[in-house]
Amino acid sequence: MPTVFVIAKDWNLRGAVRAELLERGVEALGMETTDDAAKASTAGTLPNVIVLDSACANMPAAVHLARRFPVLLVASRTETLPQFGAVSVLWRPVAIHEIVECISQLLKGRAA
């Protein structure tokens, strides 16, 4: 079963994406910070994909995680993108099904 970390301060985004992924048979772990994700990966839970809300992208662990795992960044057009280079970027406003579809494509090995 693939594993996806959903990192967002906004619990609505975390919860909705996790619920959709769980329905599709994907282990989806919600986290509020990149530090939480770094701790989980250090403890042995490795994600196949990370969904990262841009509000969390400037946290110190974000760069480290992006070097190790594919990152789907959910960003606002008014923000400057972080320098770590996400494999995919979805711009707000974005629907939950669009995020989940992009994750599905990344899990299949194809960036959306």
PDB file of N, CA and C in Angstrom:
ATOM      1  N   MET A   1       0.852  -1.176   0.000  1.00  0.00           N
ATOM      2  CA  MET A   1       0.000   0.000   0.000  1.00  0.00           C
ATOM      3  C   MET A   1       0.895   1.235   0.000  1.00  0.00           C
ATOM      4  N   PRO A   2       0.673   2.150  -0.936  1.00  0.00           N
ATOM      5  CA  PRO A   2       1.477   3.377  -0.937  1.00  0.00           C
ATOM      6  C   PRO A   2       1.135   4.264   0.262  1.00  0.00           C
ATOM      7  N   THR A   3       2.115   5.078   0.620  1.00  0.00           N
ATOM      8  CA  THR A   3       1.961   6.000   1.750  1.00  0.00           C
ATOM      9  C   THR A   3       2.136   7.428   1.256  1.00  0.00           C
ATOM     10  N   VAL A   4       1.240   8.309   1.698  1.00  0.00           N
ATOM     11  CA  VAL A   4       1.314   9.727   1.346  1.00  0.00           C
ATOM     12  C   VAL A   4       1.270  10.534   2.632  1.00  0.00           C
ATOM     13  N   PHE A   5       2.208  11.468   2.768  1.00  0.00           N
ATOM     14  CA  PHE A   5       2.163  12.434   3.868  1.00  0.00           C
ATOM     15  C   PHE A   5       1.407  13.657   3.347  1.00  0.00           C
ATOM     16  N   VAL A   6       0.428  14.106   4.102  1.00  0.00           N
ATOM     17  CA  VAL A   6      -0.310  15.325   3.761  1.00  0.00           C
ATOM     18  C   VAL A   6       0.044  16.353   4.828  1.00  0.00           C
ATOM     19  N   ILE A   7       0.871  17.329   4.453  1.00  0.00           N
ATOM     20  CA  ILE A   7       1.391  18.308   5.406  1.00  0.00           C
ATOM     21  C   ILE A   7       0.732  19.654   5.134  1.00  0.00           C
ATOM     22  N   ALA A   8      -0.060  20.090   6.108  1.00  0.00           N
ATOM     23  CA  ALA A   8      -0.765  21.372   5.965  1.00  0.00           C
ATOM     24  C   ALA A   8      -1.181  21.851   7.346  1.00  0.00           C
ATOM     25  N   LYS A   9      -1.070  23.148   7.552  1.00  0.00           N
ATOM     26  CA  LYS A   9      -1.569  23.736   8.799  1.00  0.00           C
ATOM     27  C   LYS A   9      -3.095  23.716   8.816  1.00  0.00           C
ATOM     28  N   ASP A  10      -3.693  23.794   7.648  1.00  0.00           N
ATOM     29  CA  ASP A  10      -5.150  23.815   7.500  1.00  0.00           C
ATOM     30  C   ASP A  10      -5.691  22.389   7.640  1.00  0.00           C
ATOM     31  N   TRP A  11      -6.397  22.126   8.730  1.00  0.00           N
ATOM     32  CA  TRP A  11      -6.896  20.772   8.961  1.00  0.00           C
ATOM     33  C   TRP A  11      -7.961  20.377   7.943  1.00  0.00           C
ATOM     34  N   ASN A  12      -8.657  21.337   7.355  1.00  0.00           N
ATOM     35  CA  ASN A  12      -9.649  21.010   6.328  1.00  0.00           C
ATOM     36  C   ASN A  12      -8.984  20.366   5.115  1.00  0.00           C
ATOM     37  N   LEU A  13      -7.871  20.935   4.676  1.00  0.00           N
ATOM     38  CA  LEU A  13      -7.132  20.370   3.546  1.00  0.00           C
ATOM     39  C   LEU A  13      -6.601  18.989   3.903  1.00  0.00           C
ATOM     40  N   ARG A  14      -5.960  18.885   5.067  1.00  0.00           N
ATOM     41  CA  ARG A  14      -5.417  17.586   5.504  1.00  0.00           C
ATOM     42  C   ARG A  14      -6.511  16.519   5.545  1.00  0.00           C
ATOM     43  N   GLY A  15      -7.600  16.840   6.211  1.00  0.00           N
ATOM     44  CA  GLY A  15      -8.665  15.862   6.404  1.00  0.00           C
ATOM     45  C   GLY A  15      -9.332  15.428   5.113  1.00  0.00           C
ATOM     46  N   ALA A  16      -9.613  16.383   4.246  1.00  0.00           N
ATOM     47  CA  ALA A  16     -10.301  16.063   2.998  1.00  0.00           C
ATOM     48  C   ALA A  16      -9.425  15.223   2.070  1.00  0.00           C
ATOM     49  N   VAL A  17      -8.161  15.590   1.941  1.00  0.00           N
ATOM     50  CA  VAL A  17      -7.257  14.825   1.078  1.00  0.00           C
ATOM     51  C   VAL A  17      -7.044  13.426   1.659  1.00  0.00           C
ATOM     52  N   ARG A  18      -6.839  13.351   2.962  1.00  0.00           N
ATOM     53  CA  ARG A  18      -6.657  12.044   3.600  1.00  0.00           C
ATOM     54  C   ARG A  18      -7.874  11.145   3.387  1.00  0.00           C
ATOM     55  N   ALA A  19      -9.069  11.694   3.572  1.00  0.00           N
ATOM     56  CA  ALA A  19     -10.284  10.892   3.418  1.00  0.00           C
ATOM     57  C   ALA A  19     -10.401  10.322   2.003  1.00  0.00           C
ATOM     58  N   GLU A  20     -10.140  11.154   1.003  1.00  0.00           N
ATOM     59  CA  GLU A  20     -10.211  10.687  -0.389  1.00  0.00           C
ATOM     60  C   GLU A  20      -9.165   9.614  -0.671  1.00  0.00           C
ATOM     61  N   LEU A  21      -7.952   9.810  -0.171  1.00  0.00           N
ATOM     62  CA  LEU A  21      -6.894   8.827  -0.400  1.00  0.00           C
ATOM     63  C   LEU A  21      -7.201   7.510   0.301  1.00  0.00           C
ATOM     64  N   LEU A  22      -7.693   7.585   1.520  1.00  0.00           N
ATOM     65  CA  LEU A  22      -8.041   6.367   2.255  1.00  0.00           C
ATOM     66  C   LEU A  22      -9.114   5.579   1.505  1.00  0.00           C
ATOM     67  N   GLU A  23     -10.067   6.278   0.898  1.00  0.00           N
ATOM     68  CA  GLU A  23     -11.107   5.611   0.103  1.00  0.00           C
ATOM     69  C   GLU A  23     -10.509   4.870  -1.093  1.00  0.00           C
ATOM     70  N   ARG A  24      -9.372   5.344  -1.573  1.00  0.00           N
ATOM     71  CA  ARG A  24      -8.706   4.724  -2.726  1.00  0.00           C
ATOM     72  C   ARG A  24      -7.667   3.683  -2.313  1.00  0.00           C
ATOM     73  N   GLY A  25      -7.585   3.400  -1.024  1.00  0.00           N
ATOM     74  CA  GLY A  25      -6.653   2.385  -0.548  1.00  0.00           C
ATOM     75  C   GLY A  25      -5.229   2.868  -0.366  1.00  0.00           C
ATOM     76  N   VAL A  26      -5.059   4.157  -0.170  1.00  0.00           N
ATOM     77  CA  VAL A  26      -3.739   4.749   0.050  1.00  0.00           C
ATOM     78  C   VAL A  26      -3.618   5.111   1.524  1.00  0.00           C
ATOM     79  N   GLU A  27      -2.520   4.720   2.144  1.00  0.00           N
ATOM     80  CA  GLU A  27      -2.274   5.129   3.526  1.00  0.00           C
ATOM     81  C   GLU A  27      -1.908   6.606   3.503  1.00  0.00           C
ATOM     82  N   ALA A  28      -2.735   7.430   4.105  1.00  0.00           N
ATOM     83  CA  ALA A  28      -2.528   8.879   4.096  1.00  0.00           C
ATOM     84  C   ALA A  28      -2.383   9.368   5.521  1.00  0.00           C
ATOM     85  N   LEU A  29      -1.241   9.950   5.814  1.00  0.00           N
ATOM     86  CA  LEU A  29      -0.952  10.435   7.156  1.00  0.00           C
ATOM     87  C   LEU A  29      -0.963  11.956   7.148  1.00  0.00           C
ATOM     88  N   GLY A  30      -1.790  12.556   7.968  1.00  0.00           N
ATOM     89  CA  GLY A  30      -1.874  14.002   8.066  1.00  0.00           C
ATOM     90  C   GLY A  30      -0.910  14.542   9.098  1.00  0.00           C
ATOM     91  N   MET A  31      -0.224  15.613   8.739  1.00  0.00           N
ATOM     92  CA  MET A  31       0.749  16.240   9.623  1.00  0.00           C
ATOM     93  C   MET A  31       0.637  17.746   9.516  1.00  0.00           C
ATOM     94  N   GLU A  32       0.899  18.416  10.632  1.00  0.00           N
ATOM     95  CA  GLU A  32       0.773  19.868  10.646  1.00  0.00           C
ATOM     96  C   GLU A  32       2.057  20.570  10.215  1.00  0.00           C
ATOM     97  N   THR A  33       3.202  19.925  10.401  1.00  0.00           N
ATOM     98  CA  THR A  33       4.476  20.563  10.060  1.00  0.00           C
ATOM     99  C   THR A  33       5.399  19.590   9.339  1.00  0.00           C
ATOM    100  N   THR A  34       6.403  20.148   8.669  1.00  0.00           N
ATOM    101  CA  THR A  34       7.405  19.305   8.030  1.00  0.00           C
ATOM    102  C   THR A  34       8.280  18.609   9.072  1.00  0.00           C
ATOM    103  N   ASP A  35       8.395  19.194  10.250  1.00  0.00           N
ATOM    104  CA  ASP A  35       9.142  18.521  11.322  1.00  0.00           C
ATOM    105  C   ASP A  35       8.465  17.213  11.713  1.00  0.00           C
ATOM    106  N   ASP A  36       7.121  17.209  11.752  1.00  0.00           N
ATOM    107  CA  ASP A  36       6.378  15.979  12.034  1.00  0.00           C
ATOM    108  C   ASP A  36       6.689  14.922  10.975  1.00  0.00           C
ATOM    109  N   ALA A  37       6.741  15.336   9.719  1.00  0.00           N
ATOM    110  CA  ALA A  37       7.034  14.410   8.624  1.00  0.00           C
ATOM    111  C   ALA A  37       8.465  13.893   8.707  1.00  0.00           C
ATOM    112  N   ALA A  38       9.400  14.767   9.057  1.00  0.00           N
ATOM    113  CA  ALA A  38      10.790  14.348   9.193  1.00  0.00           C
ATOM    114  C   ALA A  38      10.933  13.311  10.307  1.00  0.00           C
ATOM    115  N   LYS A  39      10.230  13.524  11.406  1.00  0.00           N
ATOM    116  CA  LYS A  39      10.267  12.550  12.514  1.00  0.00           C
ATOM    117  C   LYS A  39       9.691  11.213  12.084  1.00  0.00           C
ATOM    118  N   ALA A  40       8.592  11.243  11.351  1.00  0.00           N
ATOM    119  CA  ALA A  40       7.970   9.996  10.886  1.00  0.00           C
ATOM    120  C   ALA A  40       8.897   9.240   9.943  1.00  0.00           C
ATOM    121  N   SER A  41       9.540   9.959   9.024  1.00  0.00           N
ATOM    122  CA  SER A  41      10.440   9.281   8.080  1.00  0.00           C
ATOM    123  C   SER A  41      11.685   8.752   8.784  1.00  0.00           C
ATOM    124  N   THR A  42      12.174   9.472   9.783  1.00  0.00           N
ATOM    125  CA  THR A  42      13.318   8.994  10.564  1.00  0.00           C
ATOM    126  C   THR A  42      12.948   7.733  11.343  1.00  0.00           C
ATOM    127  N   ALA A  43      11.691   7.668  11.778  1.00  0.00           N
ATOM    128  CA  ALA A  43      11.211   6.508  12.527  1.00  0.00           C
ATOM    129  C   ALA A  43      10.904   5.314  11.621  1.00  0.00           C
ATOM    130  N   GLY A  44      10.991   5.503  10.305  1.00  0.00           N
ATOM    131  CA  GLY A  44      10.815   4.389   9.389  1.00  0.00           C
ATOM    132  C   GLY A  44       9.579   4.418   8.515  1.00  0.00           C
ATOM    133  N   THR A  45       8.707   5.396   8.688  1.00  0.00           N
ATOM    134  CA  THR A  45       7.535   5.532   7.815  1.00  0.00           C
ATOM    135  C   THR A  45       7.938   6.416   6.643  1.00  0.00           C
ATOM    136  N   LEU A  46       8.094   5.797   5.478  1.00  0.00           N
ATOM    137  CA  LEU A  46       8.572   6.525   4.310  1.00  0.00           C
ATOM    138  C   LEU A  46       7.438   6.757   3.321  1.00  0.00           C
ATOM    139  N   PRO A  47       7.251   8.001   2.898  1.00  0.00           N
ATOM    140  CA  PRO A  47       6.169   8.298   1.959  1.00  0.00           C
ATOM    141  C   PRO A  47       6.581   8.041   0.517  1.00  0.00           C
ATOM    142  N   ASN A  48       5.605   7.664  -0.289  1.00  0.00           N
ATOM    143  CA  ASN A  48       5.836   7.595  -1.728  1.00  0.00           C
ATOM    144  C   ASN A  48       5.691   8.977  -2.348  1.00  0.00           C
ATOM    145  N   VAL A  49       4.823   9.799  -1.744  1.00  0.00           N
ATOM    146  CA  VAL A  49       4.578  11.171  -2.192  1.00  0.00           C
ATOM    147  C   VAL A  49       4.273  12.015  -0.963  1.00  0.00           C
ATOM    148  N   ILE A  50       4.677  13.284  -1.029  1.00  0.00           N
ATOM    149  CA  ILE A  50       4.326  14.244   0.018  1.00  0.00           C
ATOM    150  C   ILE A  50       3.492  15.346  -0.611  1.00  0.00           C
ATOM    151  N   VAL A  51       2.335  15.611  -0.012  1.00  0.00           N
ATOM    152  CA  VAL A  51       1.524  16.767  -0.390  1.00  0.00           C
ATOM    153  C   VAL A  51       1.871  17.856   0.612  1.00  0.00           C
ATOM    154  N   LEU A  52       2.329  18.988   0.116  1.00  0.00           N
ATOM    155  CA  LEU A  52       2.811  20.051   0.984  1.00  0.00           C
ATOM    156  C   LEU A  52       2.084  21.353   0.690  1.00  0.00           C
ATOM    157  N   ASP A  53       1.384  21.854   1.684  1.00  0.00           N
ATOM    158  CA  ASP A  53       0.766  23.169   1.584  1.00  0.00           C
ATOM    159  C   ASP A  53       1.891  24.200   1.602  1.00  0.00           C
ATOM    160  N   SER A  54       1.832  25.167   0.726  1.00  0.00           N
ATOM    161  CA  SER A  54       2.920  26.141   0.632  1.00  0.00           C
ATOM    162  C   SER A  54       3.137  26.917   1.924  1.00  0.00           C
ATOM    163  N   ALA A  55       2.129  26.979   2.788  1.00  0.00           N
ATOM    164  CA  ALA A  55       2.304  27.643   4.084  1.00  0.00           C
ATOM    165  C   ALA A  55       3.329  26.916   4.947  1.00  0.00           C
ATOM    166  N   CYS A  56       3.594  25.658   4.642  1.00  0.00           N
ATOM    167  CA  CYS A  56       4.574  24.859   5.395  1.00  0.00           C
ATOM    168  C   CYS A  56       5.898  24.716   4.640  1.00  0.00           C
ATOM    169  N   ALA A  57       5.963  25.227   3.431  1.00  0.00           N
ATOM    170  CA  ALA A  57       7.115  24.978   2.570  1.00  0.00           C
ATOM    171  C   ALA A  57       8.391  25.674   3.016  1.00  0.00           C
ATOM    172  N   ASN A  58       8.287  26.712   3.815  1.00  0.00           N
ATOM    173  CA  ASN A  58       9.489  27.418   4.252  1.00  0.00           C
ATOM    174  C   ASN A  58      10.008  26.935   5.591  1.00  0.00           C
ATOM    175  N   MET A  59       9.438  25.855   6.081  1.00  0.00           N
ATOM    176  CA  MET A  59       9.934  25.270   7.325  1.00  0.00           C
ATOM    177  C   MET A  59      11.239  24.539   7.035  1.00  0.00           C
ATOM    178  N   PRO A  60      12.155  24.485   8.013  1.00  0.00           N
ATOM    179  CA  PRO A  60      13.484  23.918   7.766  1.00  0.00           C
ATOM    180  C   PRO A  60      13.500  22.504   7.189  1.00  0.00           C
ATOM    181  N   ALA A  61      12.618  21.649   7.621  1.00  0.00           N
ATOM    182  CA  ALA A  61      12.656  20.261   7.162  1.00  0.00           C
ATOM    183  C   ALA A  61      12.124  20.092   5.739  1.00  0.00           C
ATOM    184  N   ALA A  62      11.472  21.096   5.171  1.00  0.00           N
ATOM    185  CA  ALA A  62      10.878  20.975   3.840  1.00  0.00           C
ATOM    186  C   ALA A  62      11.926  20.672   2.776  1.00  0.00           C
ATOM    187  N   VAL A  63      13.042  21.357   2.814  1.00  0.00           N
ATOM    188  CA  VAL A  63      14.098  21.145   1.821  1.00  0.00           C
ATOM    189  C   VAL A  63      14.643  19.725   1.926  1.00  0.00           C
ATOM    190  N   HIS A  64      14.879  19.281   3.142  1.00  0.00           N
ATOM    191  CA  HIS A  64      15.400  17.925   3.356  1.00  0.00           C
ATOM    192  C   HIS A  64      14.420  16.875   2.821  1.00  0.00           C
ATOM    193  N   LEU A  65      13.152  17.035   3.114  1.00  0.00           N
ATOM    194  CA  LEU A  65      12.149  16.082   2.643  1.00  0.00           C
ATOM    195  C   LEU A  65      12.051  16.085   1.122  1.00  0.00           C
ATOM    196  N   ALA A  66      12.100  17.272   0.518  1.00  0.00           N
ATOM    197  CA  ALA A  66      11.982  17.388  -0.938  1.00  0.00           C
ATOM    198  C   ALA A  66      13.159  16.757  -1.668  1.00  0.00           C
ATOM    199  N   ARG A  67      14.284  16.644  -1.023  1.00  0.00           N
ATOM    200  CA  ARG A  67      15.448  15.974  -1.627  1.00  0.00           C
ATOM    201  C   ARG A  67      15.277  14.462  -1.631  1.00  0.00           C
ATOM    202  N   ARG A  68      14.448  13.955  -0.718  1.00  0.00           N
ATOM    203  CA  ARG A  68      14.303  12.508  -0.556  1.00  0.00           C
ATOM    204  C   ARG A  68      13.037  11.929  -1.183  1.00  0.00           C
ATOM    205  N   PHE A  69      11.983  12.760  -1.282  1.00  0.00           N
ATOM    206  CA  PHE A  69      10.686  12.246  -1.718  1.00  0.00           C
ATOM    207  C   PHE A  69      10.036  13.211  -2.709  1.00  0.00           C
ATOM    208  N   PRO A  70       9.200  12.681  -3.625  1.00  0.00           N
ATOM    209  CA  PRO A  70       8.480  13.579  -4.540  1.00  0.00           C
ATOM    210  C   PRO A  70       7.469  14.433  -3.777  1.00  0.00           C
ATOM    211  N   VAL A  71       7.449  15.721  -4.090  1.00  0.00           N
ATOM    212  CA  VAL A  71       6.570  16.665  -3.398  1.00  0.00           C
ATOM    213  C   VAL A  71       5.586  17.277  -4.383  1.00  0.00           C
ATOM    214  N   LEU A  72       4.309  17.224  -3.997  1.00  0.00           N
ATOM    215  CA  LEU A  72       3.245  17.943  -4.692  1.00  0.00           C
ATOM    216  C   LEU A  72       2.946  19.172  -3.849  1.00  0.00           C
ATOM    217  N   LEU A  73       3.229  20.330  -4.382  1.00  0.00           N
ATOM    218  CA  LEU A  73       3.036  21.587  -3.658  1.00  0.00           C
ATOM    219  C   LEU A  73       1.681  22.186  -4.024  1.00  0.00           C
ATOM    220  N   VAL A  74       0.908  22.552  -3.012  1.00  0.00           N
ATOM    221  CA  VAL A  74      -0.356  23.258  -3.203  1.00  0.00           C
ATOM    222  C   VAL A  74      -0.085  24.708  -2.810  1.00  0.00           C
ATOM    223  N   ALA A  75      -0.131  25.610  -3.807  1.00  0.00           N
ATOM    224  CA  ALA A  75       0.337  26.982  -3.584  1.00  0.00           C
ATOM    225  C   ALA A  75      -0.657  28.024  -4.068  1.00  0.00           C
ATOM    226  N   SER A  76      -0.479  29.213  -3.552  1.00  0.00           N
ATOM    227  CA  SER A  76      -1.239  30.368  -3.996  1.00  0.00           C
ATOM    228  C   SER A  76      -0.421  31.103  -5.050  1.00  0.00           C
ATOM    229  N   ARG A  77      -1.087  31.666  -6.016  1.00  0.00           N
ATOM    230  CA  ARG A  77      -0.376  32.410  -7.069  1.00  0.00           C
ATOM    231  C   ARG A  77       0.268  33.696  -6.543  1.00  0.00           C
ATOM    232  N   THR A  78      -0.109  34.117  -5.350  1.00  0.00           N
ATOM    233  CA  THR A  78       0.452  35.347  -4.788  1.00  0.00           C
ATOM    234  C   THR A  78       1.740  35.096  -4.010  1.00  0.00           C
ATOM    235  N   GLU A  79       2.114  33.831  -3.850  1.00  0.00           N
ATOM    236  CA  GLU A  79       3.313  33.485  -3.081  1.00  0.00           C
ATOM    237  C   GLU A  79       4.493  33.227  -4.005  1.00  0.00           C
ATOM    238  N   THR A  80       5.671  33.395  -3.472  1.00  0.00           N
ATOM    239  CA  THR A  80       6.881  32.990  -4.167  1.00  0.00           C
ATOM    240  C   THR A  80       7.104  31.513  -3.874  1.00  0.00           C
ATOM    241  N   LEU A  81       7.345  30.739  -4.922  1.00  0.00           N
ATOM    242  CA  LEU A  81       7.555  29.308  -4.719  1.00  0.00           C
ATOM    243  C   LEU A  81       8.862  29.056  -3.982  1.00  0.00           C
ATOM    244  N   PRO A  82       8.876  28.038  -3.135  1.00  0.00           N
ATOM    245  CA  PRO A  82      10.114  27.686  -2.453  1.00  0.00           C
ATOM    246  C   PRO A  82      11.151  27.190  -3.460  1.00  0.00           C
ATOM    247  N   GLN A  83      12.397  27.233  -3.091  1.00  0.00           N
ATOM    248  CA  GLN A  83      13.496  26.929  -4.001  1.00  0.00           C
ATOM    249  C   GLN A  83      13.835  25.451  -4.120  1.00  0.00           C
ATOM    250  N   PHE A  84      13.133  24.565  -3.412  1.00  0.00           N
ATOM    251  CA  PHE A  84      13.531  23.166  -3.436  1.00  0.00           C
ATOM    252  C   PHE A  84      13.042  22.388  -4.653  1.00  0.00           C
ATOM    253  N   GLY A  85      12.130  22.926  -5.429  1.00  0.00           N
ATOM    254  CA  GLY A  85      11.714  22.276  -6.662  1.00  0.00           C
ATOM    255  C   GLY A  85      10.778  21.094  -6.467  1.00  0.00           C
ATOM    256  N   ALA A  86       9.509  21.370  -6.314  1.00  0.00           N
ATOM    257  CA  ALA A  86       8.505  20.313  -6.214  1.00  0.00           C
ATOM    258  C   ALA A  86       8.348  19.639  -7.575  1.00  0.00           C
ATOM    259  N   VAL A  87       7.971  18.361  -7.569  1.00  0.00           N
ATOM    260  CA  VAL A  87       7.775  17.664  -8.840  1.00  0.00           C
ATOM    261  C   VAL A  87       6.486  18.114  -9.523  1.00  0.00           C
ATOM    262  N   SER A  88       5.516  18.580  -8.752  1.00  0.00           N
ATOM    263  CA  SER A  88       4.268  19.120  -9.296  1.00  0.00           C
ATOM    264  C   SER A  88       3.786  20.259  -8.412  1.00  0.00           C
ATOM    265  N   VAL A  89       3.112  21.219  -9.040  1.00  0.00           N
ATOM    266  CA  VAL A  89       2.528  22.338  -8.305  1.00  0.00           C
ATOM    267  C   VAL A  89       1.082  22.477  -8.759  1.00  0.00           C
ATOM    268  N   LEU A  90       0.182  22.562  -7.790  1.00  0.00           N
ATOM    269  CA  LEU A  90      -1.217  22.875  -8.066  1.00  0.00           C
ATOM    270  C   LEU A  90      -1.507  24.228  -7.454  1.00  0.00           C
ATOM    271  N   TRP A  91      -2.131  25.088  -8.243  1.00  0.00           N
ATOM    272  CA  TRP A  91      -2.398  26.456  -7.811  1.00  0.00           C
ATOM    273  C   TRP A  91      -3.809  26.582  -7.266  1.00  0.00           C
ATOM    274  N   ARG A  92      -3.932  27.289  -6.162  1.00  0.00           N
ATOM    275  CA  ARG A  92      -5.251  27.585  -5.609  1.00  0.00           C
ATOM    276  C   ARG A  92      -5.963  28.589  -6.512  1.00  0.00           C
ATOM    277  N   PRO A  93      -7.254  28.512  -6.630  1.00  0.00           N
ATOM    278  CA  PRO A  93      -8.131  27.540  -5.999  1.00  0.00           C
ATOM    279  C   PRO A  93      -8.012  26.189  -6.701  1.00  0.00           C
ATOM    280  N   VAL A  94      -8.002  25.141  -5.915  1.00  0.00           N
ATOM    281  CA  VAL A  94      -7.891  23.782  -6.435  1.00  0.00           C
ATOM    282  C   VAL A  94      -8.877  22.901  -5.669  1.00  0.00           C
ATOM    283  N   ALA A  95      -9.491  21.991  -6.371  1.00  0.00           N
ATOM    284  CA  ALA A  95     -10.444  21.073  -5.759  1.00  0.00           C
ATOM    285  C   ALA A  95      -9.703  19.856  -5.197  1.00  0.00           C
ATOM    286  N   ILE A  96     -10.270  19.268  -4.175  1.00  0.00           N
ATOM    287  CA  ILE A  96      -9.664  18.097  -3.543  1.00  0.00           C
ATOM    288  C   ILE A  96      -9.470  16.983  -4.565  1.00  0.00           C
ATOM    289  N   HIS A  97     -10.441  16.775  -5.437  1.00  0.00           N
ATOM    290  CA  HIS A  97     -10.304  15.697  -6.423  1.00  0.00           C
ATOM    291  C   HIS A  97      -9.127  15.947  -7.368  1.00  0.00           C
ATOM    292  N   GLU A  98      -8.800  17.208  -7.629  1.00  0.00           N
ATOM    293  CA  GLU A  98      -7.643  17.521  -8.474  1.00  0.00           C
ATOM    294  C   GLU A  98      -6.342  17.145  -7.764  1.00  0.00           C
ATOM    295  N   ILE A  99      -6.275  17.406  -6.475  1.00  0.00           N
ATOM    296  CA  ILE A  99      -5.089  17.038  -5.685  1.00  0.00           C
ATOM    297  C   ILE A  99      -4.938  15.527  -5.675  1.00  0.00           C
ATOM    298  N   VAL A 100      -6.030  14.827  -5.425  1.00  0.00           N
ATOM    299  CA  VAL A 100      -5.993  13.366  -5.354  1.00  0.00           C
ATOM    300  C   VAL A 100      -5.625  12.766  -6.711  1.00  0.00           C
ATOM    301  N   GLU A 101      -6.129  13.336  -7.784  1.00  0.00           N
ATOM    302  CA  GLU A 101      -5.780  12.837  -9.122  1.00  0.00           C
ATOM    303  C   GLU A 101      -4.288  13.032  -9.398  1.00  0.00           C
ATOM    304  N   CYS A 102      -3.740  14.169  -9.010  1.00  0.00           N
ATOM    305  CA  CYS A 102      -2.316  14.422  -9.197  1.00  0.00           C
ATOM    306  C   CYS A 102      -1.487  13.426  -8.382  1.00  0.00           C
ATOM    307  N   ILE A 103      -1.912  13.163  -7.153  1.00  0.00           N
ATOM    308  CA  ILE A 103      -1.225  12.167  -6.320  1.00  0.00           C
ATOM    309  C   ILE A 103      -1.255  10.813  -7.007  1.00  0.00           C
ATOM    310  N   SER A 104      -2.411  10.432  -7.543  1.00  0.00           N
ATOM    311  CA  SER A 104      -2.536   9.149  -8.241  1.00  0.00           C
ATOM    312  C   SER A 104      -1.549   9.063  -9.395  1.00  0.00           C
ATOM    313  N   GLN A 105      -1.422  10.138 -10.150  1.00  0.00           N
ATOM    314  CA  GLN A 105      -0.468  10.155 -11.257  1.00  0.00           C
ATOM    315  C   GLN A 105       0.974  10.032 -10.753  1.00  0.00           C
ATOM    316  N   LEU A 106       1.293  10.714  -9.678  1.00  0.00           N
ATOM    317  CA  LEU A 106       2.643  10.617  -9.119  1.00  0.00           C
ATOM    318  C   LEU A 106       2.919   9.209  -8.590  1.00  0.00           C
ATOM    319  N   LEU A 107       1.927   8.580  -8.009  1.00  0.00           N
ATOM    320  CA  LEU A 107       2.107   7.216  -7.516  1.00  0.00           C
ATOM    321  C   LEU A 107       2.311   6.228  -8.660  1.00  0.00           C
ATOM    322  N   LYS A 108       1.766   6.546  -9.827  1.00  0.00           N
ATOM    323  CA  LYS A 108       1.966   5.717 -11.006  1.00  0.00           C
ATOM    324  C   LYS A 108       3.294   6.028 -11.685  1.00  0.00           C
ATOM    325  N   GLY A 109       4.000   7.049 -11.169  1.00  0.00           N
ATOM    326  CA  GLY A 109       5.298   7.397 -11.743  1.00  0.00           C
ATOM    327  C   GLY A 109       5.257   8.448 -12.808  1.00  0.00           C
ATOM    328  N   ARG A 110       4.091   9.105 -12.954  1.00  0.00           N
ATOM    329  CA  ARG A 110       3.967  10.143 -13.961  1.00  0.00           C
ATOM    330  C   ARG A 110       3.580  11.440 -13.278  1.00  0.00           C
ATOM    331  N   ALA A 111       4.403  12.445 -13.439  1.00  0.00           N
ATOM    332  CA  ALA A 111       4.057  13.762 -12.878  1.00  0.00           C
ATOM    333  C   ALA A 111       2.884  14.322 -13.654  1.00  0.00           C
ATOM    334  N   ALA A 112       1.979  14.974 -12.926  1.00  0.00           N
ATOM    335  CA  ALA A 112       0.796  15.549 -13.575  1.00  0.00           C
ATOM    336  C   ALA A 112       1.051  16.971 -14.004  1.00  0.00           C
TER     337      ALA A 112
END
